[in-house]
C-alpha atoms as a PDB file:
ATOM      1  CA  MET A   1      16.388  -0.574  -2.009  1.00  0.00           C
ATOM      2  CA  PRO A   2      19.010   0.066  -4.705  1.00  0.00           C
ATOM      3  CA  ALA A   3      17.921  -0.967  -8.171  1.00  0.00           C
ATOM      4  CA  SER A   4      19.969  -3.484 -10.091  1.00  0.00           C
ATOM      5  CA  PRO A   5      20.051  -3.362 -13.896  1.00  0.00           C
ATOM      6  CA  ASP A   6      18.965  -7.025 -13.784  1.00  0.00           C
ATOM      7  CA  ARG A   7      15.922  -6.397 -11.602  1.00  0.00           C
ATOM      8  CA  ILE A   8      12.533  -4.848 -12.267  1.00  0.00           C
ATOM      9  CA  LEU A   9      10.932  -3.028  -9.331  1.00  0.00           C
ATOM     10  CA  ILE A  10       7.161  -3.304  -8.934  1.00  0.00           C
ATOM     11  CA  PHE A  11       5.417  -0.076  -7.824  1.00  0.00           C
ATOM     12  CA  ASP A  12       1.757  -0.745  -7.031  1.00  0.00           C
ATOM     13  CA  THR A  13      -0.852   2.034  -6.830  1.00  0.00           C
ATOM     14  CA  THR A  14      -3.939  -0.136  -6.248  1.00  0.00           C
ATOM     15  CA  LEU A  15      -4.739   1.396  -2.859  1.00  0.00           C
ATOM     16  CA  ARG A  16      -4.459   4.960  -4.160  1.00  0.00           C
ATOM     17  CA  ASP A  17      -5.616   4.823  -7.783  1.00  0.00           C
ATOM     18  CA  GLY A  18      -8.033   1.950  -7.279  1.00  0.00           C
ATOM     19  CA  GLU A  19     -10.314   4.056  -5.121  1.00  0.00           C
ATOM     20  CA  GLN A  20     -10.439   6.763  -7.762  1.00  0.00           C
ATOM     21  CA  SER A  21     -12.724   4.538  -9.851  1.00  0.00           C
ATOM     22  CA  PRO A  22     -16.435   5.331  -9.508  1.00  0.00           C
ATOM     23  CA  GLY A  23     -18.095   2.998  -7.028  1.00  0.00           C
ATOM     24  CA  ALA A  24     -14.824   1.559  -5.704  1.00  0.00           C
ATOM     25  CA  THR A  25     -14.460   1.971  -1.965  1.00  0.00           C
ATOM     26  CA  LEU A  26     -12.402  -0.054   0.472  1.00  0.00           C
ATOM     27  CA  ASN A  27     -12.516   0.003   4.254  1.00  0.00           C
ATOM     28  CA  THR A  28      -9.388  -0.075   6.415  1.00  0.00           C
ATOM     29  CA  GLU A  29      -9.450  -3.860   6.874  1.00  0.00           C
ATOM     30  CA  GLU A  30      -9.763  -4.439   3.117  1.00  0.00           C
ATOM     31  CA  LYS A  31      -6.889  -2.043   2.393  1.00  0.00           C
ATOM     32  CA  LEU A  32      -4.732  -3.747   5.008  1.00  0.00           C
ATOM     33  CA  ALA A  33      -5.502  -7.197   3.563  1.00  0.00           C
ATOM     34  CA  ILE A  34      -4.592  -5.994   0.059  1.00  0.00           C
ATOM     35  CA  ALA A  35      -1.341  -4.424   1.307  1.00  0.00           C
ATOM     36  CA  LYS A  36      -0.378  -7.625   3.130  1.00  0.00           C
ATOM     37  CA  GLN A  37      -1.043  -9.714   0.033  1.00  0.00           C
ATOM     38  CA  LEU A  38       0.930  -7.309  -2.179  1.00  0.00           C
ATOM     39  CA  SER A  39       3.821  -7.609   0.266  1.00  0.00           C
ATOM     40  CA  ARG A  40       3.604 -11.426   0.254  1.00  0.00           C
ATOM     41  CA  LEU A  41       3.704 -11.314  -3.542  1.00  0.00           C
ATOM     42  CA  GLY A  42       6.969  -9.372  -3.371  1.00  0.00           C
ATOM     43  CA  VAL A  43       5.734  -5.972  -4.542  1.00  0.00           C
ATOM     44  CA  ASP A  44       8.591  -3.538  -3.906  1.00  0.00           C
ATOM     45  CA  ILE A  45       6.629  -0.315  -3.358  1.00  0.00           C
ATOM     46  CA  ILE A  46       3.021  -0.018  -2.214  1.00  0.00           C
ATOM     47  CA  GLU A  47       1.466   3.408  -2.562  1.00  0.00           C
ATOM     48  CA  ALA A  48      -0.915   3.176   0.378  1.00  0.00           C
ATOM     49  CA  GLY A  49      -3.107   6.219  -0.297  1.00  0.00           C
ATOM     50  CA  PHE A  50      -3.593   9.838   0.743  1.00  0.00           C
ATOM     51  CA  PRO A  51      -3.360   9.950   4.560  1.00  0.00           C
ATOM     52  CA  PHE A  52      -4.607  13.530   4.774  1.00  0.00           C
ATOM     53  CA  ALA A  53      -7.637  13.005   2.528  1.00  0.00           C
ATOM     54  CA  SER A  54      -9.800  11.846   5.442  1.00  0.00           C
ATOM     55  CA  PRO A  55      -9.542  10.371   8.943  1.00  0.00           C
ATOM     56  CA  GLY A  56     -10.317   6.929   7.466  1.00  0.00           C
ATOM     57  CA  ASP A  57      -7.504   7.208   4.926  1.00  0.00           C
ATOM     58  CA  PHE A  58      -5.136   8.374   7.658  1.00  0.00           C
ATOM     59  CA  GLU A  59      -6.004   5.323   9.774  1.00  0.00           C
ATOM     60  CA  ALA A  60      -5.575   2.943   6.828  1.00  0.00           C
ATOM     61  CA  VAL A  61      -2.186   4.336   5.774  1.00  0.00           C
ATOM     62  CA  ASN A  62      -1.013   4.369   9.393  1.00  0.00           C
ATOM     63  CA  ARG A  63      -1.989   0.725   9.923  1.00  0.00           C
ATOM     64  CA  ILE A  64      -0.432  -0.353   6.624  1.00  0.00           C
ATOM     65  CA  ALA A  65       2.836   1.364   7.569  1.00  0.00           C
ATOM     66  CA  ALA A  66       2.797  -0.228  11.033  1.00  0.00           C
ATOM     67  CA  GLN A  67       1.792  -3.747   9.980  1.00  0.00           C
ATOM     68  CA  VAL A  68       3.271  -4.103   6.495  1.00  0.00           C
ATOM     69  CA  GLY A  69       5.989  -1.446   6.538  1.00  0.00           C
ATOM     70  CA  THR A  70       9.095  -1.841   4.434  1.00  0.00           C
ATOM     71  CA  PRO A  71      11.364  -4.760   3.473  1.00  0.00           C
ATOM     72  CA  ASP A  72      13.186  -4.009   6.743  1.00  0.00           C
ATOM     73  CA  GLY A  73       9.980  -4.361   8.757  1.00  0.00           C
ATOM     74  CA  PRO A  74       7.149  -2.137   9.951  1.00  0.00           C
ATOM     75  CA  VAL A  75       7.691   1.615   9.865  1.00  0.00           C
END
């Protein structure tokens, strides 16, 4: 999406940085729900996580890409 000088783009790292906090863990369904809500709120870029960190992270990122995707639709 090209940036306009009159528009601020929102880049959210909740799903990646949020889990770096001690004691903060999210399962795939929780991550997917957060990604869907961020998309509904109009967040431009959602950093979904590290897909190669673990099989669970891979599944979560894969599902987010498939179900939330991009402004043009799922990836």
